[in-house]
Amino acid sequence: MDIIDVRPRLHMFRFRIGQAYLWRDDDGLTLIDSGDADAAGAIEEGIRTTGEDPARLRRIVLTHCHRDHIGAAGELADRYGAEIVAHRLDAPVIRGEAPVPDPVLLDWERPLWEHGLTVPEAPPTRVDREVTDGDALGFGDGAVVVHAPGHTDGSIGVHLPRHGVLFTGDAVAAVDRVILGVFNTDRARAKASMARFAGLAPTTVCFGHGDPVTRNTAAVLKAAAEEAAAAG
């Protein structure tokens, strides 16, 4: 696992597939997504590498129900008493009460999807708090939920307005450039969610896949959203 310092209070943990983010507040730590089912040990070591104690983990916010984002959440939460947070529409999937929704794949997405299935399947994971659009998350000086359906019904972004930081989950991605996220269940809704993110004009944007953008961020995200909207 690679550890990337994004901002003084924000670190990215990059796995073989996907990534998670650690936000540091004085009163505790928040993890945005949790990697796959084998990632708990690496995340603990990553937290220690940042100079923090994993015992300060207060919450794990899951941006959506896919295995490379929720896999280690239950193990970490059980060890440290952290709260697991997810949107109410994806919570039944995360708990194993409903199937993972099938994406509508474009032809070029199929090999990527098959590669993603090499990630270990996530165990059923409890959700302690189900959230909806606009809910306060209790960290980052006012972090709020931004419902972003399209990748999955219950996909969310996490917006920290006072810091200009936005976590998009898989609704947006960065490969060679910023693009609409892949493996969407509803491409039209995904485009609308991306446009909503662009309207927040963040100064730092962090994706579920790809390097964060920290320069000319609002303009880059706006241009990518407009390109996605114009595409078929």
Protein backbone atom coordinates (compact mmCIF):
# COMPACT_ATOMS: atom_id res chain seq x y z
CA MET A 1 0.00 0.00 0.00
CA ASP A 2 1.21 3.49 -0.87
CA ILE A 3 0.60 6.47 1.42
CA ILE A 4 0.21 9.89 -0.21
CA ASP A 5 0.01 13.13 1.76
CA VAL A 6 -2.74 15.10 0.05
CA ARG A 7 -3.03 17.93 2.59
CA PRO A 8 -1.70 18.38 6.14
CA ARG A 9 -4.81 16.69 7.60
CA LEU A 10 -5.56 14.37 4.68
CA HIS A 11 -3.78 11.21 3.52
CA MET A 12 -4.54 8.72 0.77
CA PHE A 13 -3.98 4.97 1.17
CA ARG A 14 -3.59 3.45 -2.29
CA PHE A 15 -4.13 -0.29 -2.70
CA ARG A 16 -3.65 -2.62 -5.66
CA ILE A 17 -7.17 -1.65 -6.72
CA GLY A 18 -8.74 1.51 -5.33
CA GLN A 19 -7.92 3.64 -2.34
CA ALA A 20 -9.13 5.02 0.98
CA TYR A 21 -8.59 8.35 2.70
CA LEU A 22 -7.75 9.34 6.27
CA TRP A 23 -8.91 12.69 7.64
CA ARG A 24 -7.41 13.87 10.94
CA ASP A 25 -9.28 16.01 13.46
CA ASP A 26 -8.11 16.88 16.96
CA ASP A 27 -10.83 14.68 18.46
CA GLY A 28 -10.30 11.64 16.25
CA LEU A 29 -9.83 10.10 12.82
CA THR A 30 -12.23 9.47 9.96
CA LEU A 31 -11.66 6.90 7.24
CA ILE A 32 -13.36 7.43 3.88
CA ASP A 33 -13.81 3.91 2.45
CA SER A 34 -11.84 0.96 3.73
CA GLY A 35 -10.25 -0.98 0.88
CA ASP A 36 -10.87 -4.68 0.36
CA ALA A 37 -11.35 -7.48 2.86
CA ASP A 38 -7.57 -7.95 3.28
CA ALA A 39 -6.77 -4.26 3.85
CA ALA A 40 -7.24 -3.85 7.61
CA GLY A 41 -3.63 -4.52 8.58
CA ALA A 42 -2.26 -2.22 5.89
CA ILE A 43 -4.65 0.55 6.93
CA GLU A 44 -3.63 0.22 10.57
CA GLU A 45 0.04 0.46 9.60
CA GLY A 46 -0.75 3.38 7.31
CA ILE A 47 -2.44 5.25 10.15
CA ARG A 48 0.60 4.68 12.34
CA THR A 49 2.88 5.89 9.54
CA THR A 50 1.04 9.22 9.55
CA GLY A 51 1.92 9.55 13.25
CA GLU A 52 -1.55 8.63 14.47
CA ASP A 53 -2.94 5.83 16.64
CA PRO A 54 -5.57 3.57 15.03
CA ALA A 55 -7.36 3.60 18.37
CA ARG A 56 -8.40 7.19 17.52
CA LEU A 57 -10.52 5.95 14.60
CA ARG A 58 -14.01 7.34 15.24
CA ARG A 59 -15.91 6.61 12.02
CA ILE A 60 -15.68 4.91 8.64
CA VAL A 61 -17.73 6.55 5.90
CA LEU A 62 -18.50 4.25 2.97
CA THR A 63 -19.13 6.02 -0.32
CA HIS A 64 -20.93 2.99 -1.80
CA CYS A 65 -21.41 -0.76 -1.53
CA HIS A 66 -18.65 -2.21 -3.75
CA ARG A 67 -16.20 -4.74 -2.36
CA ASP A 68 -13.07 -2.63 -2.88
CA HIS A 69 -14.54 0.12 -0.69
CA ILE A 70 -16.25 -1.72 2.17
CA GLY A 71 -14.07 -4.80 2.69
CA ALA A 72 -12.13 -3.92 5.86
CA ALA A 73 -14.74 -1.67 7.46
CA GLY A 74 -16.23 -4.25 9.80
CA GLU A 75 -12.87 -5.55 11.02
CA LEU A 76 -11.53 -2.07 11.74
CA ALA A 77 -14.76 -0.90 13.37
CA ASP A 78 -14.85 -3.94 15.63
CA ARG A 79 -11.25 -3.42 16.73
CA TYR A 80 -11.55 0.27 17.54
CA GLY A 81 -15.23 0.92 18.19
CA ALA A 82 -15.63 3.09 15.10
CA GLU A 83 -19.03 3.95 13.66
CA ILE A 84 -19.76 2.72 10.12
CA VAL A 85 -21.73 5.22 8.02
CA ALA A 86 -23.39 4.66 4.62
CA HIS A 87 -26.33 5.91 2.59
CA ARG A 88 -29.62 4.24 3.44
CA LEU A 89 -30.04 2.90 -0.12
CA ASP A 90 -26.70 1.05 -0.14
CA ALA A 91 -26.84 -0.03 3.51
CA PRO A 92 -28.84 -3.25 2.82
CA VAL A 93 -26.26 -4.31 0.24
CA ILE A 94 -23.38 -3.60 2.63
CA ARG A 95 -25.11 -5.67 5.33
CA GLY A 96 -25.58 -8.56 2.88
CA GLU A 97 -29.37 -8.24 2.90
CA ALA A 98 -29.60 -7.32 -0.81
CA PRO A 99 -27.48 -8.21 -3.85
CA VAL A 100 -24.84 -5.90 -5.26
CA PRO A 101 -26.51 -4.09 -8.18
CA ASP A 102 -25.31 -5.06 -11.64
CA PRO A 103 -23.72 -2.24 -13.62
CA VAL A 104 -24.66 -1.45 -17.20
CA LEU A 105 -21.25 -1.95 -18.78
CA LEU A 106 -19.90 -0.26 -21.87
CA ASP A 107 -17.82 -2.54 -24.06
CA TRP A 108 -14.52 -1.00 -22.98
CA GLU A 109 -15.48 -1.35 -19.30
CA ARG A 110 -15.91 -5.15 -19.39
CA PRO A 111 -12.22 -6.11 -19.02
CA LEU A 112 -11.86 -3.60 -16.17
CA TRP A 113 -14.92 -5.02 -14.43
CA GLU A 114 -13.58 -8.57 -14.69
CA HIS A 115 -10.24 -7.39 -13.28
CA GLY A 116 -12.06 -5.77 -10.36
CA LEU A 117 -13.70 -9.10 -9.52
CA THR A 118 -10.25 -10.37 -8.47
CA VAL A 119 -10.65 -8.26 -5.32
CA PRO A 120 -11.73 -10.49 -2.40
CA GLU A 121 -15.46 -10.48 -1.83
CA ALA A 122 -16.46 -8.31 1.11
CA PRO A 123 -18.12 -9.95 4.13
CA PRO A 124 -21.51 -8.68 5.28
CA THR A 125 -20.78 -5.53 7.24
CA ARG A 126 -22.91 -3.69 9.75
CA VAL A 127 -23.97 -0.12 9.11
CA ASP A 128 -24.35 1.83 12.34
CA ARG A 129 -25.73 4.99 10.81
CA GLU A 130 -27.74 5.34 7.61
CA VAL A 131 -27.53 8.81 6.06
CA THR A 132 -29.23 10.78 3.31
CA ASP A 133 -28.43 13.90 1.30
CA GLY A 134 -27.35 16.87 3.40
CA ASP A 135 -26.76 14.96 6.63
CA ALA A 136 -23.91 16.21 8.82
CA LEU A 137 -21.16 13.67 9.38
CA GLY A 138 -19.54 15.07 12.51
CA PHE A 139 -15.99 15.66 11.31
CA GLY A 140 -13.92 18.01 9.17
CA ASP A 141 -15.50 21.20 10.59
CA GLY A 142 -18.83 20.47 8.95
CA ALA A 143 -18.58 17.54 6.52
CA VAL A 144 -21.88 16.75 4.79
CA VAL A 145 -23.31 13.97 2.66
CA VAL A 146 -23.88 14.65 -1.04
CA HIS A 147 -26.11 11.95 -2.51
CA ALA A 148 -24.65 10.97 -5.88
CA PRO A 149 -26.75 8.18 -7.44
CA GLY A 150 -25.79 6.58 -10.71
CA HIS A 151 -22.77 4.46 -9.83
CA THR A 152 -25.04 2.77 -7.30
CA ASP A 153 -28.36 4.03 -5.95
CA GLY A 154 -26.80 4.94 -2.63
CA SER A 155 -23.47 6.35 -3.77
CA ILE A 156 -22.42 9.46 -1.87
CA GLY A 157 -19.85 12.17 -1.98
CA VAL A 158 -18.44 13.70 1.19
CA HIS A 159 -18.03 17.48 1.12
CA LEU A 160 -15.98 19.51 3.59
CA PRO A 161 -17.03 23.06 2.62
CA ARG A 162 -14.76 24.86 5.09
CA HIS A 163 -11.73 23.07 3.66
CA GLY A 164 -12.82 22.96 0.02
CA VAL A 165 -12.41 19.17 -0.01
CA LEU A 166 -14.68 16.76 -1.87
CA PHE A 167 -14.55 12.96 -1.85
CA THR A 168 -16.42 11.57 -4.86
CA GLY A 169 -16.21 7.83 -4.30
CA ASP A 170 -16.52 6.14 -7.71
CA ALA A 171 -18.92 8.71 -9.17
CA VAL A 172 -15.85 10.40 -10.69
CA ALA A 173 -12.45 8.89 -11.50
CA ALA A 174 -9.01 10.01 -12.62
CA VAL A 175 -7.14 7.87 -15.10
CA ASP A 176 -5.02 9.95 -17.47
CA ARG A 177 -7.56 12.71 -16.83
CA VAL A 178 -10.70 13.26 -14.78
CA ILE A 179 -13.66 11.31 -16.18
CA LEU A 180 -17.10 10.08 -15.25
CA GLY A 181 -16.76 7.02 -13.03
CA VAL A 182 -17.12 3.60 -14.61
CA PHE A 183 -19.40 0.61 -13.87
CA ASN A 184 -22.52 2.72 -13.42
CA THR A 185 -25.99 1.31 -12.85
CA ASP A 186 -27.54 4.44 -14.41
CA ARG A 187 -25.26 6.51 -16.63
CA ALA A 188 -27.65 9.47 -16.94
CA ARG A 189 -27.97 9.81 -13.17
CA ALA A 190 -24.21 9.41 -12.81
CA LYS A 191 -23.68 12.35 -15.17
CA ALA A 192 -26.12 14.46 -13.16
CA SER A 193 -24.28 13.57 -9.96
CA MET A 194 -20.96 14.56 -11.52
CA ALA A 195 -22.43 17.90 -12.56
CA ARG A 196 -23.63 18.45 -9.00
CA PHE A 197 -20.15 17.77 -7.68
CA ALA A 198 -18.71 20.27 -10.15
CA GLY A 199 -21.14 22.88 -8.86
CA LEU A 200 -19.54 22.61 -5.41
CA ALA A 201 -16.31 24.06 -6.87
CA PRO A 202 -13.90 22.23 -4.55
CA THR A 203 -10.23 23.11 -4.24
CA THR A 204 -9.26 19.49 -3.56
CA VAL A 205 -11.11 16.53 -5.04
CA CYS A 206 -10.40 12.94 -4.06
CA PHE A 207 -11.56 9.95 -6.10
CA GLY A 208 -12.12 6.28 -5.41
CA HIS A 209 -9.67 5.53 -8.23
CA GLY A 210 -6.93 7.87 -9.40
CA ASP A 211 -4.82 10.65 -7.94
CA PRO A 212 -6.49 13.61 -6.20
CA VAL A 213 -6.62 16.95 -7.98
CA THR A 214 -5.32 19.89 -5.97
CA ARG A 215 -4.63 22.54 -8.65
CA ASN A 216 -7.21 24.36 -10.79
CA THR A 217 -9.56 21.82 -9.28
CA ALA A 218 -12.90 23.54 -9.80
CA ALA A 219 -12.13 24.22 -13.46
CA VAL A 220 -10.85 20.68 -14.08
CA LEU A 221 -13.94 19.11 -12.52
CA LYS A 222 -16.31 21.46 -14.33
CA ALA A 223 -14.70 20.72 -17.70
CA ALA A 224 -14.84 16.98 -17.07
CA ALA A 225 -18.51 17.16 -16.09
CA GLU A 226 -19.33 19.13 -19.25
CA GLU A 227 -17.43 16.60 -21.37
CA ALA A 228 -19.31 13.71 -19.75
CA ALA A 229 -22.65 15.45 -20.29
CA ALA A 230 -21.88 15.94 -24.00
CA ALA A 231 -20.79 12.34 -24.51
CA GLY A 232 -23.15 9.58 -25.51
